[in-house]
Amino acid sequence: MDRIFADFSEGKGNLCEYLDTYGRIDRYSFRNVLLIHKKCPHATWPGNYGYWKSKGVDILRTERRNPIIILEPGGTYQRQDGSIGQNYYAKEIFDISQTTARGETRNRPNFDDRSLLKALISKSPVPIEVAENFQKEGKGAIYDQEQKKIFVRQGMEAQDIFRCVSFELAKAELERLDGEYTPEDVHKAYCISYLLCRKYGIDTQGYDKDSLNQTFVGKNSKEIGMELNSLENAIGAINHRMSRTLRESFKGAVSKDYER
């Protein structure tokens, strides 16, 4: 993990590829997705021995000594200085490509753009309004921090609305969870918007991947860790609302495995 963070800090790590993996398997923590991606960049469906056994699937003999190692939290303990520490233990998992089910794909529900947009704005932390006289040149939406509202330009296609509203919604969510939102946080909002699009099949061709890869440049490991916590909390909150809305709308079509 330290090596991954160092690469991010030095501008060598491809954060965009990690985000792509997170978009496929975000039921794991962001840190564990980093570990999964480092070991198996094209992972789509990881699980431990017990999980695959319950599916009637075996780990390939050639892969049994090649597990993906992730970390699971254990109990807490008291250090000699009186502070509280957190124990972790290593857990072995295997991607479907390492099993006898390789080649199979997980059935994921397909939602139309309008349904996804409805889920995105459902129970938003701030009101979202269509602005008849939209003043921001080149933007499709904007989060007004003073009014605590998101204003959206009229006449856009559903996917364009999803992209720009998810970006502004991420700003509002970061402000709600972190207590503030500053211009320096824009990169986190950009990551969140990109992740939502990747997860739900919205076209991401217009995203600046070079900019995404510069997100943590110059930051130390502690700072990157704090940024990841903030990002993960915000994406989790938005995705939870979306999954719940989609589940209610489609009467169970969204499996729990698809939720975050």
Protein backbone atom coordinates (compact mmCIF):
# COMPACT_ATOMS: atom_id res chain seq x y z
CA MET A 1 0.00 0.00 0.00
CA ASP A 2 2.88 2.36 0.81
CA ARG A 3 4.34 1.69 -2.64
CA ILE A 4 1.00 2.40 -4.31
CA PHE A 5 0.63 5.66 -2.37
CA ALA A 6 4.22 6.63 -3.25
CA ASP A 7 3.48 6.10 -6.95
CA PHE A 8 0.38 8.28 -6.66
CA SER A 9 2.36 10.99 -4.87
CA GLU A 10 5.07 10.97 -7.56
CA GLY A 11 2.58 10.96 -10.43
CA LYS A 12 3.60 7.47 -11.55
CA GLY A 13 0.48 5.54 -10.53
CA ASN A 14 -2.44 5.19 -12.92
CA LEU A 15 -5.26 6.16 -10.55
CA CYS A 16 -7.75 6.02 -13.42
CA GLU A 17 -7.17 2.27 -13.82
CA TYR A 18 -7.71 1.76 -10.09
CA LEU A 19 -10.94 3.74 -10.32
CA ASP A 20 -12.07 1.51 -13.21
CA THR A 21 -11.52 -1.54 -11.01
CA TYR A 22 -13.35 0.13 -8.11
CA GLY A 23 -16.27 0.78 -10.44
CA ARG A 24 -16.50 -2.97 -11.12
CA ILE A 25 -16.05 -4.30 -7.58
CA ASP A 26 -16.83 -1.48 -5.15
CA ARG A 27 -18.26 -3.74 -2.47
CA TYR A 28 -14.67 -3.83 -1.17
CA SER A 29 -12.98 -0.91 0.58
CA PHE A 30 -10.99 1.45 -1.60
CA ARG A 31 -7.72 0.28 -0.04
CA ASN A 32 -8.56 -3.36 -0.73
CA VAL A 33 -9.49 -2.49 -4.30
CA LEU A 34 -6.02 -0.98 -4.65
CA LEU A 35 -4.54 -4.28 -3.47
CA ILE A 36 -6.82 -6.29 -5.75
CA HIS A 37 -5.96 -4.17 -8.77
CA LYS A 38 -2.23 -4.37 -8.06
CA LYS A 39 -2.39 -8.17 -8.06
CA CYS A 40 -5.11 -8.68 -10.68
CA PRO A 41 -5.72 -5.52 -12.76
CA HIS A 42 -8.61 -7.04 -14.71
CA ALA A 43 -10.47 -8.47 -11.71
CA THR A 44 -14.24 -8.45 -12.10
CA TRP A 45 -15.62 -10.86 -9.49
CA PRO A 46 -13.47 -11.70 -6.42
CA GLY A 47 -14.40 -14.03 -3.59
CA ASN A 48 -12.79 -16.22 -0.93
CA TYR A 49 -12.69 -20.02 -0.81
CA GLY A 50 -15.99 -20.25 1.02
CA TYR A 51 -17.74 -17.94 -1.43
CA TRP A 52 -16.65 -19.88 -4.50
CA LYS A 53 -17.42 -23.20 -2.81
CA SER A 54 -20.98 -22.01 -2.14
CA LYS A 55 -21.27 -21.33 -5.88
CA GLY A 56 -20.07 -24.84 -6.76
CA VAL A 57 -16.88 -23.39 -8.20
CA ASP A 58 -13.30 -24.56 -7.58
CA ILE A 59 -10.09 -22.57 -7.53
CA LEU A 60 -7.82 -23.63 -10.39
CA ARG A 61 -4.95 -25.81 -9.14
CA THR A 62 -2.42 -23.51 -10.79
CA GLU A 63 -3.90 -20.51 -8.94
CA ARG A 64 -4.23 -21.92 -5.43
CA ARG A 65 -0.83 -20.56 -4.44
CA ASN A 66 -1.46 -17.26 -6.16
CA PRO A 67 -4.18 -15.61 -4.06
CA ILE A 68 -5.04 -11.93 -3.93
CA ILE A 69 -4.28 -10.71 -0.41
CA ILE A 70 -6.56 -8.10 1.14
CA LEU A 71 -6.81 -6.79 4.70
CA GLU A 72 -9.74 -7.21 7.06
CA PRO A 73 -10.01 -5.29 10.35
CA GLY A 74 -9.70 -7.28 13.56
CA GLY A 75 -9.95 -6.14 17.16
CA THR A 76 -8.46 -3.02 18.68
CA TYR A 77 -5.58 -2.96 21.14
CA GLN A 78 -3.88 -0.46 23.45
CA ARG A 79 -0.35 0.64 22.66
CA GLN A 80 2.28 1.26 25.32
CA ASP A 81 1.67 5.01 25.11
CA GLY A 82 -2.01 4.46 25.87
CA SER A 83 -3.29 5.11 22.34
CA ILE A 84 -5.63 2.66 20.63
CA GLY A 85 -4.45 0.68 17.61
CA GLN A 86 -6.32 -1.41 15.05
CA ASN A 87 -5.40 -5.00 14.26
CA TYR A 88 -5.70 -6.29 10.70
CA TYR A 89 -5.43 -9.77 9.29
CA ALA A 90 -4.68 -10.99 5.81
CA LYS A 91 -7.46 -12.62 3.82
CA GLU A 92 -7.04 -14.67 0.65
CA ILE A 93 -9.47 -14.12 -2.21
CA PHE A 94 -9.53 -15.19 -5.86
CA ASP A 95 -10.95 -13.52 -8.93
CA ILE A 96 -13.32 -15.54 -11.12
CA SER A 97 -10.55 -15.68 -13.73
CA GLN A 98 -8.65 -17.91 -11.24
CA THR A 99 -11.51 -20.40 -10.96
CA THR A 100 -13.24 -23.09 -12.97
CA ALA A 101 -15.93 -20.49 -13.73
CA ARG A 102 -13.48 -18.30 -15.68
CA GLY A 103 -15.09 -16.80 -18.73
CA GLU A 104 -18.44 -16.42 -17.01
CA THR A 105 -19.72 -12.92 -16.27
CA ARG A 106 -21.85 -11.64 -13.44
CA ASN A 107 -25.40 -10.74 -14.37
CA ARG A 108 -25.79 -7.05 -13.72
CA PRO A 109 -29.07 -5.20 -14.24
CA ASN A 110 -29.27 -2.73 -17.10
CA PHE A 111 -31.05 0.52 -16.37
CA ASP A 112 -32.11 3.15 -18.85
CA ASP A 113 -30.55 6.60 -18.57
CA ARG A 114 -33.67 8.22 -17.15
CA SER A 115 -33.92 5.65 -14.35
CA LEU A 116 -30.28 6.20 -13.43
CA LEU A 117 -30.75 9.95 -13.42
CA LYS A 118 -33.82 9.64 -11.20
CA ALA A 119 -31.85 7.44 -8.79
CA LEU A 120 -28.91 9.88 -8.78
CA ILE A 121 -30.99 12.84 -7.63
CA SER A 122 -33.21 10.84 -5.27
CA LYS A 123 -32.98 12.22 -1.71
CA SER A 124 -30.18 14.56 -2.69
CA PRO A 125 -28.61 16.39 0.29
CA VAL A 126 -29.45 19.68 -1.48
CA PRO A 127 -32.31 20.74 -3.80
CA ILE A 128 -31.72 20.36 -7.54
CA GLU A 129 -33.42 22.88 -9.81
CA VAL A 130 -33.54 23.53 -13.55
CA ALA A 131 -32.36 27.07 -14.19
CA GLU A 132 -34.08 28.90 -17.05
CA ASN A 133 -31.32 31.52 -17.19
CA PHE A 134 -28.16 29.51 -16.67
CA GLN A 135 -25.18 31.88 -16.53
CA LYS A 136 -22.17 29.56 -16.28
CA GLU A 137 -20.59 29.28 -19.71
CA GLY A 138 -19.49 25.78 -20.68
CA LYS A 139 -21.10 24.09 -17.65
CA GLY A 140 -24.23 21.98 -17.45
CA ALA A 141 -24.73 22.26 -13.70
CA ILE A 142 -23.34 24.14 -10.75
CA TYR A 143 -23.49 23.73 -6.98
CA ASP A 144 -24.19 27.09 -5.32
CA GLN A 145 -22.68 26.83 -1.84
CA GLU A 146 -24.40 29.97 -0.59
CA GLN A 147 -27.90 28.87 -1.59
CA LYS A 148 -27.15 25.18 -0.96
CA LYS A 149 -28.69 24.26 -4.33
CA ILE A 150 -27.62 22.61 -7.56
CA PHE A 151 -28.76 24.43 -10.69
CA VAL A 152 -28.99 22.53 -13.98
CA ARG A 153 -29.02 23.86 -17.53
CA GLN A 154 -32.11 23.10 -19.61
CA GLY A 155 -32.15 20.99 -22.77
CA MET A 156 -29.36 18.47 -22.14
CA GLU A 157 -29.35 14.75 -22.89
CA ALA A 158 -29.79 12.36 -19.94
CA GLN A 159 -26.16 11.14 -19.91
CA ASP A 160 -24.85 14.71 -20.04
CA ILE A 161 -27.10 15.58 -17.10
CA PHE A 162 -25.86 12.53 -15.16
CA ARG A 163 -22.23 13.47 -15.68
CA CYS A 164 -22.49 17.13 -14.71
CA VAL A 165 -25.01 16.64 -11.88
CA SER A 166 -22.98 13.79 -10.35
CA PHE A 167 -19.96 16.12 -10.27
CA GLU A 168 -21.86 18.90 -8.49
CA LEU A 169 -23.70 16.44 -6.25
CA ALA A 170 -20.34 15.04 -5.16
CA LYS A 171 -19.32 18.52 -4.01
CA ALA A 172 -22.48 18.84 -1.92
CA GLU A 173 -21.99 15.36 -0.46
CA LEU A 174 -18.36 16.07 0.45
CA GLU A 175 -19.45 19.28 2.16
CA ARG A 176 -22.17 17.43 4.10
CA LEU A 177 -19.85 14.66 5.29
CA ASP A 178 -16.62 16.62 5.80
CA GLY A 179 -18.22 19.80 7.12
CA GLU A 180 -16.81 21.91 4.32
CA TYR A 181 -15.99 21.93 0.62
CA THR A 182 -13.09 23.96 -0.75
CA PRO A 183 -11.80 24.44 -4.31
CA GLU A 184 -8.95 22.05 -3.43
CA ASP A 185 -11.52 19.26 -3.07
CA VAL A 186 -12.57 19.46 -6.72
CA HIS A 187 -10.39 16.48 -7.65
CA LYS A 188 -12.30 14.25 -5.21
CA ALA A 189 -15.62 15.34 -6.70
CA TYR A 190 -14.23 14.58 -10.16
CA CYS A 191 -13.20 11.07 -9.04
CA ILE A 192 -16.65 10.44 -7.54
CA SER A 193 -18.42 11.55 -10.70
CA TYR A 194 -16.15 9.32 -12.81
CA LEU A 195 -16.71 6.34 -10.51
CA LEU A 196 -20.49 6.67 -10.64
CA CYS A 197 -20.40 6.80 -14.41
CA ARG A 198 -18.14 3.74 -14.62
CA LYS A 199 -20.32 1.74 -12.26
CA TYR A 200 -23.61 2.54 -13.97
CA GLY A 201 -22.46 2.42 -17.58
CA ILE A 202 -22.48 6.15 -18.39
CA ASP A 203 -19.99 7.13 -21.12
CA THR A 204 -16.75 8.53 -19.64
CA GLN A 205 -14.96 9.55 -22.84
CA GLY A 206 -15.11 13.22 -21.89
CA TYR A 207 -13.29 12.80 -18.57
CA ASP A 208 -9.70 14.02 -18.41
CA LYS A 209 -7.83 10.89 -17.34
CA ASP A 210 -4.52 12.72 -17.05
CA SER A 211 -6.18 15.03 -14.54
CA LEU A 212 -7.56 12.06 -12.60
CA ASN A 213 -4.08 10.54 -12.42
CA GLN A 214 -2.72 13.76 -10.86
CA THR A 215 -5.23 13.66 -7.98
CA PHE A 216 -2.74 12.72 -5.23
CA VAL A 217 0.47 14.16 -6.66
CA GLY A 218 2.61 15.78 -3.96
CA LYS A 219 0.61 14.34 -1.04
CA ASN A 220 2.13 12.06 1.60
CA SER A 221 0.71 8.67 2.60
CA LYS A 222 -1.27 10.05 5.53
CA GLU A 223 -2.84 12.75 3.36
CA ILE A 224 -3.70 10.24 0.63
CA GLY A 225 -5.27 7.94 3.21
CA MET A 226 -7.45 10.76 4.53
CA GLU A 227 -8.45 11.74 1.00
CA LEU A 228 -9.42 8.14 0.23
CA ASN A 229 -11.57 7.98 3.37
CA SER A 230 -13.39 11.15 2.37
CA LEU A 231 -13.86 9.96 -1.21
CA GLU A 232 -15.05 6.52 -0.12
CA ASN A 233 -17.60 7.93 2.35
CA ALA A 234 -19.09 10.25 -0.25
CA ILE A 235 -19.30 7.66 -3.05
CA GLY A 236 -20.76 5.18 -0.57
CA ALA A 237 -23.50 7.60 0.52
CA ILE A 238 -24.51 8.48 -3.05
CA ASN A 239 -24.37 4.90 -4.27
CA HIS A 240 -26.42 3.67 -1.30
CA ARG A 241 -29.22 6.08 -2.18
CA MET A 242 -29.02 5.13 -5.85
CA SER A 243 -29.10 1.39 -5.19
CA ARG A 244 -32.03 1.74 -2.80
CA THR A 245 -34.01 3.81 -5.30
CA LEU A 246 -33.27 1.40 -8.14
CA ARG A 247 -34.19 -1.58 -5.97
CA GLU A 248 -37.53 -0.02 -5.04
CA SER A 249 -38.24 1.01 -8.63
CA PHE A 250 -37.45 -2.37 -10.12
CA LYS A 251 -38.80 -4.50 -7.27
CA GLY A 252 -35.70 -6.44 -6.36
CA ALA A 253 -33.92 -6.39 -9.72
CA VAL A 254 -30.87 -4.96 -7.96
CA SER A 255 -29.11 -7.71 -6.01
CA LYS A 256 -27.39 -6.96 -2.72
CA ASP A 257 -24.13 -7.95 -4.41
CA TYR A 258 -24.57 -4.92 -6.67
CA GLU A 259 -25.03 -2.51 -3.78
CA ARG A 260 -22.31 -0.72 -1.87
